[in-house]
């Protein structure tokens, strides 16, 4: 069993059939992969606060947290809380210059077919595809 060393959050938002995803910057862990936005929970921070902060840091996005819909643990021991969020403004999303190489809107099928998908996202996406998860 993997020891839990850190905690993190993942932000899930969609427009019709497309989800907001990022391509990670090349100099960060798992650089060049596509995944949902997110990051670590800071000491003293609640999950819903962390997901708001991470969206602002990575995308300059203002979001409203909705609910935690999924939990997972990465192979390196980070416990993740997957939160649905609503974009509060239609302003331009701005990628963090180091953490985010590209901002994308992709369907579940497009993400699952992408060879650069961060593997930890696969079980969540398969649950959506197979109807075991509705977001």
Protein backbone atom coordinates (compact mmCIF):
# COMPACT_ATOMS: atom_id res chain seq x y z
CA UNK A 1 0.00 0.00 0.00
CA UNK A 2 1.22 3.50 -0.87
CA UNK A 3 2.04 5.74 2.09
CA UNK A 4 0.17 9.06 1.99
CA UNK A 5 2.80 11.81 2.04
CA UNK A 6 0.97 14.84 0.59
CA UNK A 7 -2.51 16.00 -0.23
CA UNK A 8 -3.67 17.67 -3.41
CA UNK A 9 -6.71 18.83 -5.32
CA UNK A 10 -7.86 18.48 -8.92
CA UNK A 11 -10.27 20.93 -10.61
CA UNK A 12 -12.94 19.59 -12.95
CA UNK A 13 -14.94 21.97 -15.12
CA UNK A 14 -16.61 21.45 -18.45
CA UNK A 15 -18.35 23.23 -21.31
CA UNK A 16 -20.81 20.84 -22.85
CA UNK A 17 -18.76 17.72 -23.69
CA UNK A 18 -15.32 19.34 -23.29
CA UNK A 19 -13.29 19.47 -20.07
CA UNK A 20 -10.75 22.12 -19.15
CA UNK A 21 -7.31 20.47 -19.09
CA UNK A 22 -3.72 21.62 -19.20
CA UNK A 23 -0.49 20.45 -20.72
CA UNK A 24 2.05 20.61 -17.93
CA UNK A 25 5.13 22.77 -18.38
CA UNK A 26 8.21 20.87 -19.49
CA UNK A 27 10.24 21.72 -16.36
CA UNK A 28 7.69 20.51 -13.76
CA UNK A 29 7.05 16.92 -12.61
CA UNK A 30 5.41 14.89 -15.40
CA UNK A 31 6.19 17.72 -17.79
CA UNK A 32 4.48 17.67 -21.17
CA UNK A 33 1.56 15.51 -20.04
CA UNK A 34 -2.08 16.54 -20.20
CA UNK A 35 -4.14 16.50 -17.03
CA UNK A 36 -6.72 18.44 -15.10
CA UNK A 37 -5.51 21.58 -13.31
CA UNK A 38 -4.62 21.20 -9.65
CA UNK A 39 -1.88 21.01 -7.10
CA UNK A 40 -0.91 20.56 -3.47
CA UNK A 41 -2.92 21.65 -0.46
CA UNK A 42 -0.98 24.17 1.62
CA UNK A 43 -0.71 23.74 5.42
CA UNK A 44 -3.90 24.96 7.11
CA UNK A 45 -5.79 25.12 3.81
CA UNK A 46 -9.09 23.32 3.17
CA UNK A 47 -9.63 21.36 -0.06
CA UNK A 48 -12.14 23.87 -1.45
CA UNK A 49 -9.73 26.74 -0.74
CA UNK A 50 -6.85 24.89 -2.42
CA UNK A 51 -8.81 24.21 -5.61
CA UNK A 52 -9.71 27.91 -5.89
CA UNK A 53 -6.08 28.96 -5.31
CA UNK A 54 -4.65 26.41 -7.75
CA UNK A 55 -7.03 27.47 -10.55
CA UNK A 56 -6.03 31.09 -9.99
CA UNK A 57 -2.30 30.28 -9.89
CA UNK A 58 -2.26 27.98 -12.91
CA UNK A 59 -4.86 29.64 -15.14
CA UNK A 60 -5.69 33.10 -13.69
CA UNK A 61 -9.20 31.64 -13.37
CA UNK A 62 -11.76 32.64 -10.79
CA UNK A 63 -13.74 29.55 -9.83
CA UNK A 64 -16.43 28.53 -7.40
CA UNK A 65 -15.87 25.10 -5.83
CA UNK A 66 -18.90 22.79 -6.05
CA UNK A 67 -18.20 19.38 -4.57
CA UNK A 68 -15.65 16.64 -4.20
CA UNK A 69 -16.66 13.89 -6.64
CA UNK A 70 -13.68 11.51 -6.58
CA UNK A 71 -10.70 10.55 -4.45
CA UNK A 72 -7.52 8.80 -5.47
CA UNK A 73 -3.92 8.24 -4.41
CA UNK A 74 -1.06 8.69 -6.86
CA UNK A 75 1.65 6.09 -7.27
CA UNK A 76 4.01 8.52 -5.48
CA UNK A 77 1.73 8.80 -2.42
CA UNK A 78 -0.27 12.01 -2.90
CA UNK A 79 -3.90 11.79 -1.81
CA UNK A 80 -6.04 13.68 -4.34
CA UNK A 81 -9.50 15.22 -3.94
CA UNK A 82 -11.20 15.77 -7.32
CA UNK A 83 -13.50 18.83 -7.12
CA UNK A 84 -16.02 20.11 -9.62
CA UNK A 85 -15.71 23.87 -10.06
CA UNK A 86 -17.60 26.53 -11.97
CA UNK A 87 -15.73 29.24 -13.87
CA UNK A 88 -17.09 32.47 -12.41
CA UNK A 89 -16.13 34.65 -15.36
CA UNK A 90 -15.67 34.14 -19.05
CA UNK A 91 -12.41 36.09 -18.97
CA UNK A 92 -9.35 34.82 -20.78
CA UNK A 93 -7.51 31.98 -19.12
CA UNK A 94 -3.81 32.70 -18.78
CA UNK A 95 -1.37 29.80 -18.39
CA UNK A 96 1.21 30.04 -15.61
CA UNK A 97 4.50 30.53 -17.52
CA UNK A 98 6.30 27.62 -15.83
CA UNK A 99 3.58 25.21 -14.70
CA UNK A 100 1.29 25.26 -17.75
CA UNK A 101 2.48 24.90 -21.35
CA UNK A 102 -1.01 24.88 -22.91
CA UNK A 103 -4.69 25.21 -21.98
CA UNK A 104 -7.04 22.83 -23.78
CA UNK A 105 -10.72 21.90 -23.89
CA UNK A 106 -10.96 18.16 -24.61
CA UNK A 107 -13.60 15.43 -24.49
CA UNK A 108 -13.17 12.30 -22.40
CA UNK A 109 -12.48 10.33 -25.58
CA UNK A 110 -9.85 12.81 -26.76
CA UNK A 111 -8.07 12.67 -23.39
CA UNK A 112 -8.15 8.87 -23.19
CA UNK A 113 -6.75 8.61 -26.74
CA UNK A 114 -3.92 11.07 -26.08
CA UNK A 115 -0.59 9.27 -25.52
CA UNK A 116 0.56 12.14 -23.27
CA UNK A 117 -2.31 11.71 -20.78
CA UNK A 118 -1.05 11.69 -17.18
CA UNK A 119 -1.92 8.10 -16.22
CA UNK A 120 -3.42 9.05 -12.85
CA UNK A 121 -6.27 10.72 -14.77
CA UNK A 122 -7.24 7.54 -16.60
CA UNK A 123 -9.41 5.85 -13.89
CA UNK A 124 -11.45 9.03 -13.42
CA UNK A 125 -11.96 9.46 -17.18
CA UNK A 126 -12.88 5.79 -17.61
CA UNK A 127 -15.47 6.14 -14.83
CA UNK A 128 -17.06 9.05 -16.75
CA UNK A 129 -16.90 7.18 -20.06
CA UNK A 130 -18.42 4.04 -18.54
CA UNK A 131 -21.23 5.94 -16.78
CA UNK A 132 -19.96 5.23 -13.25
CA UNK A 133 -19.35 8.96 -12.69
CA UNK A 134 -21.42 11.95 -13.79
CA UNK A 135 -19.89 15.42 -13.67
